Protein backbone atom coordinates (compact mmCIF):
# COMPACT_ATOMS: atom_id res chain seq x y z
CA CYS A 1 12.12 -3.70 41.27
CA SER A 2 10.70 -0.20 41.52
CA SER A 3 7.20 -1.12 40.39
CA ASP A 4 6.94 -3.55 43.32
CA LEU A 5 7.90 -0.77 45.68
CA LYS A 6 5.33 1.54 44.13
CA TRP A 7 2.70 -1.17 44.49
CA PHE A 8 3.69 -1.72 48.11
CA THR A 9 3.43 1.96 49.03
CA HIS A 10 0.10 2.00 47.20
CA LEU A 11 -1.11 -0.85 49.43
CA VAL A 12 0.19 0.87 52.55
CA ARG A 13 -1.69 4.06 51.69
CA MET A 14 -4.94 2.14 51.26
CA LYS A 15 -7.63 1.99 53.88
CA PRO A 16 -7.86 -1.36 55.70
CA SER A 17 -11.17 -2.26 54.04
CA GLN A 18 -9.64 -1.59 50.64
CA LEU A 19 -6.65 -3.67 51.56
CA GLN A 20 -8.93 -6.53 52.54
CA LYS A 21 -10.75 -6.26 49.22
CA GLN A 22 -7.43 -6.24 47.41
CA LYS A 23 -6.33 -9.39 49.25
CA ILE A 24 -9.57 -11.20 48.46
CA TRP A 25 -9.32 -10.08 44.84
CA SER A 26 -5.78 -11.35 44.40
CA LYS A 27 -6.73 -14.63 46.09
CA ARG A 28 -9.58 -15.02 43.63
CA LYS A 29 -7.28 -14.16 40.76
CA LEU A 30 -4.80 -16.74 41.97
CA LYS A 31 -7.52 -19.37 42.28
CA ARG A 32 -8.76 -18.61 38.78
CA GLN A 33 -5.22 -18.92 37.48
CA MET A 34 -4.81 -22.28 39.23
CA ASP A 35 -8.15 -23.50 37.90
CA LYS A 36 -7.10 -22.52 34.40
CA GLU A 37 -3.81 -24.37 34.75
CA HIS A 38 -5.59 -27.38 36.20
CA GLU A 39 -8.00 -27.38 33.27
CA ILE A 40 -5.12 -27.27 30.79
CA ASN A 41 -3.32 -30.09 32.59
CA TYR A 42 -6.50 -32.15 32.65
CA MET A 43 -7.11 -31.62 28.95
CA THR A 44 -3.51 -32.50 28.14
CA ALA A 45 -3.74 -35.67 30.19
CA ALA A 46 -7.02 -36.60 28.51
CA THR A 47 -5.49 -35.99 25.10
CA PHE A 48 -2.51 -38.17 25.88
CA GLU A 49 -4.77 -40.89 27.21
CA THR A 50 -6.82 -40.90 24.03
CA TYR A 51 -3.67 -40.88 21.95
CA ASN A 52 -2.22 -43.83 23.85
CA ASN A 53 -5.45 -45.80 23.60
CA GLU A 54 -5.64 -45.21 19.87
CA ASN A 55 -2.06 -46.37 19.49
CA LEU A 56 -2.82 -49.56 21.41
CA ASN A 57 -5.73 -50.40 19.13
CA PHE A 58 -3.59 -51.02 16.06
């Protein structure tokens, strides 16, 4: 889409140091996103585990 192209030309116009910063920033953002998802998955798993244990204790 056009916004991707705009973004790409924006990156190309950047100075190398800026580009490096941008790369590091997006990597960090990606890691944060993954951490968040991992946290959610972990909490969901924990919830299910508790739920299952409670059901077994009838």
